[in-house]
mmCIF file of all heavy atoms, coordinates in Angstrom:
data_MODEL
# 
_entry.id   MODEL 
# 
loop_
_atom_site.group_PDB 
_atom_site.id 
_atom_site.type_symbol 
_atom_site.label_atom_id 
_atom_site.label_alt_id 
_atom_site.label_comp_id 
_atom_site.label_asym_id 
_atom_site.label_entity_id 
_atom_site.label_seq_id 
_atom_site.pdbx_PDB_ins_code 
_atom_site.Cartn_x 
_atom_site.Cartn_y 
_atom_site.Cartn_z 
_atom_site.occupancy 
_atom_site.B_iso_or_equiv 
_atom_site.pdbx_formal_charge 
_atom_site.auth_seq_id 
_atom_site.auth_comp_id 
_atom_site.auth_asym_id 
_atom_site.auth_atom_id 
_atom_site.pdbx_PDB_model_num 
ATOM 1   N N   . VAL A 1 1  ? 137.971 -81.194 193.177 1.00 0.00 ? 1  VAL A N   1 
ATOM 2   C CA  . VAL A 1 1  ? 137.105 -80.511 194.145 1.00 0.00 ? 1  VAL A CA  1 
ATOM 3   C C   . VAL A 1 1  ? 136.783 -79.104 193.600 1.00 0.00 ? 1  VAL A C   1 
ATOM 4   O O   . VAL A 1 1  ? 135.679 -78.653 193.728 1.00 0.00 ? 1  VAL A O   1 
ATOM 5   C CB  . VAL A 1 1  ? 137.721 -80.605 195.532 1.00 0.00 ? 1  VAL A CB  1 
ATOM 6   C CG1 . VAL A 1 1  ? 136.914 -79.694 196.520 1.00 0.00 ? 1  VAL A CG1 1 
ATOM 7   C CG2 . VAL A 1 1  ? 137.689 -82.083 196.026 1.00 0.00 ? 1  VAL A CG2 1 
ATOM 8   N N   . GLU A 1 2  ? 137.791 -78.396 193.330 1.00 0.00 ? 2  GLU A N   1 
ATOM 9   C CA  . GLU A 1 2  ? 137.802 -76.948 192.918 1.00 0.00 ? 2  GLU A CA  1 
ATOM 10  C C   . GLU A 1 2  ? 136.861 -76.852 191.687 1.00 0.00 ? 2  GLU A C   1 
ATOM 11  O O   . GLU A 1 2  ? 136.006 -75.889 191.596 1.00 0.00 ? 2  GLU A O   1 
ATOM 12  C CB  . GLU A 1 2  ? 139.144 -76.418 192.469 1.00 0.00 ? 2  GLU A CB  1 
ATOM 13  C CG  . GLU A 1 2  ? 139.191 -75.058 192.020 1.00 0.00 ? 2  GLU A CG  1 
ATOM 14  C CD  . GLU A 1 2  ? 140.504 -74.573 191.619 1.00 0.00 ? 2  GLU A CD  1 
ATOM 15  O OE1 . GLU A 1 2  ? 141.207 -75.290 190.895 1.00 0.00 ? 2  GLU A OE1 1 
ATOM 16  O OE2 . GLU A 1 2  ? 140.998 -73.500 192.092 1.00 0.00 ? 2  GLU A OE2 1 
ATOM 17  N N   . SER A 1 3  ? 136.767 -77.859 190.820 1.00 0.00 ? 3  SER A N   1 
ATOM 18  C CA  . SER A 1 3  ? 135.924 -77.764 189.572 1.00 0.00 ? 3  SER A CA  1 
ATOM 19  C C   . SER A 1 3  ? 134.547 -78.321 189.795 1.00 0.00 ? 3  SER A C   1 
ATOM 20  O O   . SER A 1 3  ? 133.788 -78.382 188.912 1.00 0.00 ? 3  SER A O   1 
ATOM 21  C CB  . SER A 1 3  ? 136.631 -78.485 188.423 1.00 0.00 ? 3  SER A CB  1 
ATOM 22  O OG  . SER A 1 3  ? 136.671 -79.795 188.636 1.00 0.00 ? 3  SER A OG  1 
ATOM 23  N N   . GLY A 1 4  ? 134.294 -78.723 191.034 1.00 0.00 ? 4  GLY A N   1 
ATOM 24  C CA  . GLY A 1 4  ? 132.875 -79.185 191.276 1.00 0.00 ? 4  GLY A CA  1 
ATOM 25  C C   . GLY A 1 4  ? 132.654 -80.631 190.923 1.00 0.00 ? 4  GLY A C   1 
ATOM 26  O O   . GLY A 1 4  ? 131.498 -81.024 190.858 1.00 0.00 ? 4  GLY A O   1 
ATOM 27  N N   . ARG A 1 5  ? 133.663 -81.311 190.713 1.00 0.00 ? 5  ARG A N   1 
ATOM 28  C CA  . ARG A 1 5  ? 133.555 -82.705 190.384 1.00 0.00 ? 5  ARG A CA  1 
ATOM 29  C C   . ARG A 1 5  ? 133.565 -83.735 191.537 1.00 0.00 ? 5  ARG A C   1 
ATOM 30  O O   . ARG A 1 5  ? 133.677 -84.882 191.450 1.00 0.00 ? 5  ARG A O   1 
ATOM 31  C CB  . ARG A 1 5  ? 134.540 -83.143 189.372 1.00 0.00 ? 5  ARG A CB  1 
ATOM 32  C CG  . ARG A 1 5  ? 134.462 -82.299 188.097 1.00 0.00 ? 5  ARG A CG  1 
ATOM 33  C CD  . ARG A 1 5  ? 135.503 -82.545 187.072 1.00 0.00 ? 5  ARG A CD  1 
ATOM 34  N NE  . ARG A 1 5  ? 135.601 -83.850 186.635 1.00 0.00 ? 5  ARG A NE  1 
ATOM 35  C CZ  . ARG A 1 5  ? 136.645 -84.425 186.144 1.00 0.00 ? 5  ARG A CZ  1 
ATOM 36  N NH1 . ARG A 1 5  ? 137.778 -83.694 185.779 1.00 0.00 ? 5  ARG A NH1 1 
ATOM 37  N NH2 . ARG A 1 5  ? 136.666 -85.757 185.722 1.00 0.00 ? 5  ARG A NH2 1 
ATOM 38  N N   . GLY A 1 6  ? 133.455 -83.228 192.801 1.00 0.00 ? 6  GLY A N   1 
ATOM 39  C CA  . GLY A 1 6  ? 133.353 -84.036 193.915 1.00 0.00 ? 6  GLY A CA  1 
ATOM 40  C C   . GLY A 1 6  ? 133.801 -83.182 195.225 1.00 0.00 ? 6  GLY A C   1 
ATOM 41  O O   . GLY A 1 6  ? 134.202 -82.000 195.037 1.00 0.00 ? 6  GLY A O   1 
ATOM 42  N N   . VAL A 1 7  ? 133.798 -83.873 196.311 1.00 0.00 ? 7  VAL A N   1 
ATOM 43  C CA  . VAL A 1 7  ? 134.347 -83.330 197.523 1.00 0.00 ? 7  VAL A CA  1 
ATOM 44  C C   . VAL A 1 7  ? 135.385 -84.276 198.146 1.00 0.00 ? 7  VAL A C   1 
ATOM 45  O O   . VAL A 1 7  ? 135.392 -85.451 197.663 1.00 0.00 ? 7  VAL A O   1 
ATOM 46  C CB  . VAL A 1 7  ? 133.159 -83.169 198.590 1.00 0.00 ? 7  VAL A CB  1 
ATOM 47  C CG1 . VAL A 1 7  ? 132.146 -82.066 198.067 1.00 0.00 ? 7  VAL A CG1 1 
ATOM 48  C CG2 . VAL A 1 7  ? 132.407 -84.499 198.898 1.00 0.00 ? 7  VAL A CG2 1 
ATOM 49  N N   . ALA A 1 8  ? 136.093 -83.923 199.178 1.00 0.00 ? 8  ALA A N   1 
ATOM 50  C CA  . ALA A 1 8  ? 137.165 -84.748 199.629 1.00 0.00 ? 8  ALA A CA  1 
ATOM 51  C C   . ALA A 1 8  ? 137.293 -84.507 201.140 1.00 0.00 ? 8  ALA A C   1 
ATOM 52  O O   . ALA A 1 8  ? 136.685 -83.544 201.717 1.00 0.00 ? 8  ALA A O   1 
ATOM 53  C CB  . ALA A 1 8  ? 138.486 -84.422 198.972 1.00 0.00 ? 8  ALA A CB  1 
ATOM 54  N N   . ALA A 1 9  ? 137.984 -85.357 201.706 1.00 0.00 ? 9  ALA A N   1 
ATOM 55  C CA  . ALA A 1 9  ? 138.257 -85.281 203.234 1.00 0.00 ? 9  ALA A CA  1 
ATOM 56  C C   . ALA A 1 9  ? 139.764 -85.142 203.465 1.00 0.00 ? 9  ALA A C   1 
ATOM 57  O O   . ALA A 1 9  ? 140.438 -86.115 203.001 1.00 0.00 ? 9  ALA A O   1 
ATOM 58  C CB  . ALA A 1 9  ? 137.601 -86.315 204.054 1.00 0.00 ? 9  ALA A CB  1 
ATOM 59  N N   . LEU A 1 10 ? 140.225 -84.184 203.999 1.00 0.00 ? 10 LEU A N   1 
ATOM 60  C CA  . LEU A 1 10 ? 141.664 -83.907 204.268 1.00 0.00 ? 10 LEU A CA  1 
ATOM 61  C C   . LEU A 1 10 ? 141.848 -83.145 205.619 1.00 0.00 ? 10 LEU A C   1 
ATOM 62  O O   . LEU A 1 10 ? 140.915 -82.617 206.081 1.00 0.00 ? 10 LEU A O   1 
ATOM 63  C CB  . LEU A 1 10 ? 142.234 -83.012 203.098 1.00 0.00 ? 10 LEU A CB  1 
ATOM 64  C CG  . LEU A 1 10 ? 142.332 -83.701 201.799 1.00 0.00 ? 10 LEU A CG  1 
ATOM 65  C CD1 . LEU A 1 10 ? 142.621 -82.667 200.632 1.00 0.00 ? 10 LEU A CD1 1 
ATOM 66  C CD2 . LEU A 1 10 ? 143.266 -84.875 201.691 1.00 0.00 ? 10 LEU A CD2 1 
ATOM 67  N N   . PRO A 1 11 ? 142.981 -83.134 206.111 1.00 0.00 ? 11 PRO A N   1 
ATOM 68  C CA  . PRO A 1 11 ? 143.387 -82.328 207.279 1.00 0.00 ? 11 PRO A CA  1 
ATOM 69  C C   . PRO A 1 11 ? 143.156 -80.850 207.005 1.00 0.00 ? 11 PRO A C   1 
ATOM 70  O O   . PRO A 1 11 ? 143.443 -80.281 205.933 1.00 0.00 ? 11 PRO A O   1 
ATOM 71  C CB  . PRO A 1 11 ? 144.804 -82.561 207.495 1.00 0.00 ? 11 PRO A CB  1 
ATOM 72  C CG  . PRO A 1 11 ? 145.205 -83.843 206.907 1.00 0.00 ? 11 PRO A CG  1 
ATOM 73  C CD  . PRO A 1 11 ? 144.188 -83.868 205.679 1.00 0.00 ? 11 PRO A CD  1 
ATOM 74  N N   . ARG A 1 12 ? 142.510 -80.155 208.077 1.00 0.00 ? 12 ARG A N   1 
ATOM 75  C CA  . ARG A 1 12 ? 142.275 -78.739 207.911 1.00 0.00 ? 12 ARG A CA  1 
ATOM 76  C C   . ARG A 1 12 ? 143.531 -78.011 207.605 1.00 0.00 ? 12 ARG A C   1 
ATOM 77  O O   . ARG A 1 12 ? 143.519 -77.014 206.715 1.00 0.00 ? 12 ARG A O   1 
ATOM 78  C CB  . ARG A 1 12 ? 141.594 -78.163 209.227 1.00 0.00 ? 12 ARG A CB  1 
ATOM 79  C CG  . ARG A 1 12 ? 141.358 -76.704 209.161 1.00 0.00 ? 12 ARG A CG  1 
ATOM 80  C CD  . ARG A 1 12 ? 140.643 -76.136 210.319 1.00 0.00 ? 12 ARG A CD  1 
ATOM 81  N NE  . ARG A 1 12 ? 139.274 -76.644 210.538 1.00 0.00 ? 12 ARG A NE  1 
ATOM 82  C CZ  . ARG A 1 12 ? 138.185 -76.140 209.922 1.00 0.00 ? 12 ARG A CZ  1 
ATOM 83  N NH1 . ARG A 1 12 ? 138.305 -75.029 209.164 1.00 0.00 ? 12 ARG A NH1 1 
ATOM 84  N NH2 . ARG A 1 12 ? 137.028 -76.612 210.200 1.00 0.00 ? 12 ARG A NH2 1 
ATOM 85  N N   . TRP A 1 13 ? 144.700 -78.294 208.294 1.00 0.00 ? 13 TRP A N   1 
ATOM 86  C CA  . TRP A 1 13 ? 145.874 -77.503 208.039 1.00 0.00 ? 13 TRP A CA  1 
ATOM 87  C C   . TRP A 1 13 ? 146.357 -77.647 206.512 1.00 0.00 ? 13 TRP A C   1 
ATOM 88  O O   . TRP A 1 13 ? 146.834 -76.652 205.937 1.00 0.00 ? 13 TRP A O   1 
ATOM 89  C CB  . TRP A 1 13 ? 146.974 -78.111 208.891 1.00 0.00 ? 13 TRP A CB  1 
ATOM 90  C CG  . TRP A 1 13 ? 147.535 -79.591 208.664 1.00 0.00 ? 13 TRP A CG  1 
ATOM 91  C CD1 . TRP A 1 13 ? 147.016 -80.604 209.356 1.00 0.00 ? 13 TRP A CD1 1 
ATOM 92  C CD2 . TRP A 1 13 ? 148.421 -80.010 207.698 1.00 0.00 ? 13 TRP A CD2 1 
ATOM 93  N NE1 . TRP A 1 13 ? 147.640 -81.711 208.858 1.00 0.00 ? 13 TRP A NE1 1 
ATOM 94  C CE2 . TRP A 1 13 ? 148.500 -81.385 207.900 1.00 0.00 ? 13 TRP A CE2 1 
ATOM 95  C CE3 . TRP A 1 13 ? 149.117 -79.391 206.654 1.00 0.00 ? 13 TRP A CE3 1 
ATOM 96  C CZ2 . TRP A 1 13 ? 149.225 -82.173 207.096 1.00 0.00 ? 13 TRP A CZ2 1 
ATOM 97  C CZ3 . TRP A 1 13 ? 149.837 -80.220 205.890 1.00 0.00 ? 13 TRP A CZ3 1 
ATOM 98  C CH2 . TRP A 1 13 ? 150.001 -81.549 206.099 1.00 0.00 ? 13 TRP A CH2 1 
ATOM 99  N N   . LEU A 1 14 ? 146.122 -78.795 205.846 1.00 0.00 ? 14 LEU A N   1 
ATOM 100 C CA  . LEU A 1 14 ? 146.459 -78.879 204.469 1.00 0.00 ? 14 LEU A CA  1 
ATOM 101 C C   . LEU A 1 14 ? 145.502 -78.027 203.583 1.00 0.00 ? 14 LEU A C   1 
ATOM 102 O O   . LEU A 1 14 ? 145.966 -77.337 202.712 1.00 0.00 ? 14 LEU A O   1 
ATOM 103 C CB  . LEU A 1 14 ? 146.403 -80.389 204.020 1.00 0.00 ? 14 LEU A CB  1 
ATOM 104 C CG  . LEU A 1 14 ? 146.596 -80.643 202.480 1.00 0.00 ? 14 LEU A CG  1 
ATOM 105 C CD1 . LEU A 1 14 ? 148.032 -80.268 202.154 1.00 0.00 ? 14 LEU A CD1 1 
ATOM 106 C CD2 . LEU A 1 14 ? 146.402 -82.082 202.193 1.00 0.00 ? 14 LEU A CD2 1 
ATOM 107 N N   . VAL A 1 15 ? 144.265 -78.028 203.924 1.00 0.00 ? 15 VAL A N   1 
ATOM 108 C CA  . VAL A 1 15 ? 143.291 -77.283 203.106 1.00 0.00 ? 15 VAL A CA  1 
ATOM 109 C C   . VAL A 1 15 ? 143.641 -75.751 203.228 1.00 0.00 ? 15 VAL A C   1 
ATOM 110 O O   . VAL A 1 15 ? 143.652 -75.005 202.298 1.00 0.00 ? 15 VAL A O   1 
ATOM 111 C CB  . VAL A 1 15 ? 141.839 -77.457 203.532 1.00 0.00 ? 15 VAL A CB  1 
ATOM 112 C CG1 . VAL A 1 15 ? 140.893 -76.662 202.792 1.00 0.00 ? 15 VAL A CG1 1 
ATOM 113 C CG2 . VAL A 1 15 ? 141.478 -78.953 203.466 1.00 0.00 ? 15 VAL A CG2 1 
ATOM 114 N N   . GLU A 1 16 ? 144.003 -75.215 204.432 1.00 0.00 ? 16 GLU A N   1 
ATOM 115 C CA  . GLU A 1 16 ? 144.264 -73.896 204.596 1.00 0.00 ? 16 GLU A CA  1 
ATOM 116 C C   . GLU A 1 16 ? 145.606 -73.667 203.916 1.00 0.00 ? 16 GLU A C   1 
ATOM 117 O O   . GLU A 1 16 ? 145.763 -72.532 203.344 1.00 0.00 ? 16 GLU A O   1 
ATOM 118 C CB  . GLU A 1 16 ? 144.414 -73.576 206.101 1.00 0.00 ? 16 GLU A CB  1 
ATOM 119 C CG  . GLU A 1 16 ? 143.075 -73.644 206.826 1.00 0.00 ? 16 GLU A CG  1 
ATOM 120 C CD  . GLU A 1 16 ? 143.049 -73.543 208.271 1.00 0.00 ? 16 GLU A CD  1 
ATOM 121 O OE1 . GLU A 1 16 ? 144.130 -73.655 208.933 1.00 0.00 ? 16 GLU A OE1 1 
ATOM 122 O OE2 . GLU A 1 16 ? 141.913 -73.465 208.871 1.00 0.00 ? 16 GLU A OE2 1 
ATOM 123 N N   . GLU A 1 17 ? 146.548 -74.600 203.932 1.00 0.00 ? 17 GLU A N   1 
ATOM 124 C CA  . GLU A 1 17 ? 147.881 -74.329 203.265 1.00 0.00 ? 17 GLU A CA  1 
ATOM 125 C C   . GLU A 1 17 ? 147.681 -74.153 201.628 1.00 0.00 ? 17 GLU A C   1 
ATOM 126 O O   . GLU A 1 17 ? 148.454 -73.347 201.071 1.00 0.00 ? 17 GLU A O   1 
ATOM 127 C CB  . GLU A 1 17 ? 148.810 -75.544 203.511 1.00 0.00 ? 17 GLU A CB  1 
ATOM 128 C CG  . GLU A 1 17 ? 150.100 -75.351 203.045 1.00 0.00 ? 17 GLU A CG  1 
ATOM 129 C CD  . GLU A 1 17 ? 151.085 -76.516 203.431 1.00 0.00 ? 17 GLU A CD  1 
ATOM 130 O OE1 . GLU A 1 17 ? 151.363 -76.578 204.727 1.00 0.00 ? 17 GLU A OE1 1 
ATOM 131 O OE2 . GLU A 1 17 ? 151.392 -77.289 202.646 1.00 0.00 ? 17 GLU A OE2 1 
ATOM 132 N N   . VAL A 1 18 ? 146.765 -74.833 201.131 1.00 0.00 ? 18 VAL A N   1 
ATOM 133 C CA  . VAL A 1 18 ? 146.638 -74.844 199.640 1.00 0.00 ? 18 VAL A CA  1 
ATOM 134 C C   . VAL A 1 18 ? 145.589 -73.933 199.157 1.00 0.00 ? 18 VAL A C   1 
ATOM 135 O O   . VAL A 1 18 ? 145.364 -73.656 197.923 1.00 0.00 ? 18 VAL A O   1 
ATOM 136 C CB  . VAL A 1 18 ? 146.298 -76.339 199.077 1.00 0.00 ? 18 VAL A CB  1 
ATOM 137 C CG1 . VAL A 1 18 ? 147.473 -77.243 199.317 1.00 0.00 ? 18 VAL A CG1 1 
ATOM 138 C CG2 . VAL A 1 18 ? 144.944 -76.728 199.543 1.00 0.00 ? 18 VAL A CG2 1 
ATOM 139 N N   . SER A 1 19 ? 144.871 -73.166 200.104 1.00 0.00 ? 19 SER A N   1 
ATOM 140 C CA  . SER A 1 19 ? 143.774 -72.323 199.625 1.00 0.00 ? 19 SER A CA  1 
ATOM 141 C C   . SER A 1 19 ? 144.065 -71.115 198.785 1.00 0.00 ? 19 SER A C   1 
ATOM 142 O O   . SER A 1 19 ? 143.315 -70.518 198.137 1.00 0.00 ? 19 SER A O   1 
ATOM 143 C CB  . SER A 1 19 ? 143.014 -71.840 200.993 1.00 0.00 ? 19 SER A CB  1 
ATOM 144 O OG  . SER A 1 19 ? 143.920 -70.945 201.766 1.00 0.00 ? 19 SER A OG  1 
ATOM 145 N N   . GLU A 1 20 ? 145.510 -70.797 198.793 1.00 0.00 ? 20 GLU A N   1 
ATOM 146 C CA  . GLU A 1 20 ? 145.861 -69.803 197.811 1.00 0.00 ? 20 GLU A CA  1 
ATOM 147 C C   . GLU A 1 20 ? 146.002 -70.262 196.386 1.00 0.00 ? 20 GLU A C   1 
ATOM 148 O O   . GLU A 1 20 ? 145.850 -69.612 195.461 1.00 0.00 ? 20 GLU A O   1 
ATOM 149 C CB  . GLU A 1 20 ? 147.241 -69.158 198.234 1.00 0.00 ? 20 GLU A CB  1 
ATOM 150 C CG  . GLU A 1 20 ? 146.996 -68.286 199.605 1.00 0.00 ? 20 GLU A CG  1 
ATOM 151 C CD  . GLU A 1 20 ? 148.263 -67.632 199.946 1.00 0.00 ? 20 GLU A CD  1 
ATOM 152 O OE1 . GLU A 1 20 ? 149.268 -67.509 199.152 1.00 0.00 ? 20 GLU A OE1 1 
ATOM 153 O OE2 . GLU A 1 20 ? 148.415 -67.259 201.108 1.00 0.00 ? 20 GLU A OE2 1 
ATOM 154 N N   . ARG A 1 21 ? 146.259 -71.593 196.278 1.00 0.00 ? 21 ARG A N   1 
ATOM 155 C CA  . ARG A 1 21 ? 146.473 -72.147 194.918 1.00 0.00 ? 21 ARG A CA  1 
ATOM 156 C C   . ARG A 1 21 ? 145.203 -72.794 194.344 1.00 0.00 ? 21 ARG A C   1 
ATOM 157 O O   . ARG A 1 21 ? 145.071 -72.888 193.202 1.00 0.00 ? 21 ARG A O   1 
ATOM 158 C CB  . ARG A 1 21 ? 147.504 -73.324 195.046 1.00 0.00 ? 21 ARG A CB  1 
ATOM 159 C CG  . ARG A 1 21 ? 148.892 -72.944 195.355 1.00 0.00 ? 21 ARG A CG  1 
ATOM 160 C CD  . ARG A 1 21 ? 149.988 -73.976 195.287 1.00 0.00 ? 21 ARG A CD  1 
ATOM 161 N NE  . ARG A 1 21 ? 149.648 -75.144 194.590 1.00 0.00 ? 21 ARG A NE  1 
ATOM 162 C CZ  . ARG A 1 21 ? 149.858 -76.398 195.119 1.00 0.00 ? 21 ARG A CZ  1 
ATOM 163 N NH1 . ARG A 1 21 ? 150.251 -76.536 196.296 1.00 0.00 ? 21 ARG A NH1 1 
ATOM 164 N NH2 . ARG A 1 21 ? 149.627 -77.466 194.327 1.00 0.00 ? 21 ARG A NH2 1 
ATOM 165 N N   . PHE A 1 22 ? 144.351 -73.208 195.252 1.00 0.00 ? 22 PHE A N   1 
ATOM 166 C CA  . PHE A 1 22 ? 142.966 -73.829 194.863 1.00 0.00 ? 22 PHE A CA  1 
ATOM 167 C C   . PHE A 1 22 ? 141.803 -73.064 195.413 1.00 0.00 ? 22 PHE A C   1 
ATOM 168 O O   . PHE A 1 22 ? 142.026 -72.652 196.553 1.00 0.00 ? 22 PHE A O   1 
ATOM 169 C CB  . PHE A 1 22 ? 142.962 -75.185 195.201 1.00 0.00 ? 22 PHE A CB  1 
ATOM 170 C CG  . PHE A 1 22 ? 144.069 -76.205 194.562 1.00 0.00 ? 22 PHE A CG  1 
ATOM 171 C CD1 . PHE A 1 22 ? 145.214 -76.465 195.280 1.00 0.00 ? 22 PHE A CD1 1 
ATOM 172 C CD2 . PHE A 1 22 ? 143.928 -76.594 193.361 1.00 0.00 ? 22 PHE A CD2 1 
ATOM 173 C CE1 . PHE A 1 22 ? 146.328 -77.176 194.717 1.00 0.00 ? 22 PHE A CE1 1 
ATOM 174 C CE2 . PHE A 1 22 ? 144.952 -77.471 192.748 1.00 0.00 ? 22 PHE A CE2 1 
ATOM 175 C CZ  . PHE A 1 22 ? 146.065 -77.645 193.439 1.00 0.00 ? 22 PHE A CZ  1 
ATOM 176 N N   . GLN A 1 23 ? 140.771 -72.908 194.757 1.00 0.00 ? 23 GLN A N   1 
ATOM 177 C CA  . GLN A 1 23 ? 139.595 -72.353 195.293 1.00 0.00 ? 23 GLN A CA  1 
ATOM 178 C C   . GLN A 1 23 ? 138.748 -73.340 196.005 1.00 0.00 ? 23 GLN A C   1 
ATOM 179 O O   . GLN A 1 23 ? 137.688 -73.810 195.569 1.00 0.00 ? 23 GLN A O   1 
ATOM 180 C CB  . GLN A 1 23 ? 138.801 -71.686 194.089 1.00 0.00 ? 23 GLN A CB  1 
ATOM 181 C CG  . GLN A 1 23 ? 139.506 -70.431 193.427 1.00 0.00 ? 23 GLN A CG  1 
ATOM 182 C CD  . GLN A 1 23 ? 139.771 -69.302 194.397 1.00 0.00 ? 23 GLN A CD  1 
ATOM 183 O OE1 . GLN A 1 23 ? 138.783 -68.823 195.046 1.00 0.00 ? 23 GLN A OE1 1 
ATOM 184 N NE2 . GLN A 1 23 ? 141.013 -68.937 194.553 1.00 0.00 ? 23 GLN A NE2 1 
ATOM 185 N N   . VAL A 1 24 ? 139.250 -73.710 197.151 1.00 0.00 ? 24 VAL A N   1 
ATOM 186 C CA  . VAL A 1 24 ? 138.642 -74.775 198.008 1.00 0.00 ? 24 VAL A CA  1 
ATOM 187 C C   . VAL A 1 24 ? 138.553 -74.287 199.451 1.00 0.00 ? 24 VAL A C   1 
ATOM 188 O O   . VAL A 1 24 ? 139.306 -73.314 199.710 1.00 0.00 ? 24 VAL A O   1 
ATOM 189 C CB  . VAL A 1 24 ? 139.323 -76.048 197.971 1.00 0.00 ? 24 VAL A CB  1 
ATOM 190 C CG1 . VAL A 1 24 ? 139.348 -76.716 196.546 1.00 0.00 ? 24 VAL A CG1 1 
ATOM 191 C CG2 . VAL A 1 24 ? 140.721 -75.962 198.539 1.00 0.00 ? 24 VAL A CG2 1 
ATOM 192 N N   . ALA A 1 25 ? 137.643 -74.757 200.163 1.00 0.00 ? 25 ALA A N   1 
ATOM 193 C CA  . ALA A 1 25 ? 137.475 -74.392 201.544 1.00 0.00 ? 25 ALA A CA  1 
ATOM 194 C C   . ALA A 1 25 ? 137.185 -75.627 202.486 1.00 0.00 ? 25 ALA A C   1 
ATOM 195 O O   . ALA A 1 25 ? 136.525 -76.593 202.003 1.00 0.00 ? 25 ALA A O   1 
ATOM 196 C CB  . ALA A 1 25 ? 136.411 -73.359 201.692 1.00 0.00 ? 25 ALA A CB  1 
ATOM 197 N N   . PRO A 1 26 ? 137.489 -75.562 203.789 1.00 0.00 ? 26 PRO A N   1 
ATOM 198 C CA  . PRO A 1 26 ? 137.170 -76.660 204.629 1.00 0.00 ? 26 PRO A CA  1 
ATOM 199 C C   . PRO A 1 26 ? 135.730 -76.485 205.319 1.00 0.00 ? 26 PRO A C   1 
ATOM 200 O O   . PRO A 1 26 ? 135.296 -75.290 205.458 1.00 0.00 ? 26 PRO A O   1 
ATOM 201 C CB  . PRO A 1 26 ? 138.173 -76.514 205.790 1.00 0.00 ? 26 PRO A CB  1 
ATOM 202 C CG  . PRO A 1 26 ? 138.497 -75.002 205.772 1.00 0.00 ? 26 PRO A CG  1 
ATOM 203 C CD  . PRO A 1 26 ? 138.315 -74.612 204.346 1.00 0.00 ? 26 PRO A CD  1 
ATOM 204 N N   . VAL A 1 27 ? 135.084 -77.602 205.523 1.00 0.00 ? 27 VAL A N   1 
ATOM 205 C CA  . VAL A 1 27 ? 133.816 -77.524 206.266 1.00 0.00 ? 27 VAL A CA  1 
ATOM 206 C C   . VAL A 1 27 ? 133.950 -78.674 207.285 1.00 0.00 ? 27 VAL A C   1 
ATOM 207 O O   . VAL A 1 27 ? 134.351 -79.801 206.991 1.00 0.00 ? 27 VAL A O   1 
ATOM 208 C CB  . VAL A 1 27 ? 132.542 -77.836 205.347 1.00 0.00 ? 27 VAL A CB  1 
ATOM 209 C CG1 . VAL A 1 27 ? 131.309 -77.845 206.129 1.00 0.00 ? 27 VAL A CG1 1 
ATOM 210 C CG2 . VAL A 1 27 ? 132.560 -76.826 204.195 1.00 0.00 ? 27 VAL A CG2 1 
# 
């Protein structure tokens, strides 16, 4: 997802938790 090779669906809490390690964001 970070590299632009797709999108995913995950829980918001998980996305917020990993946002320091990966350049990803929830929508």
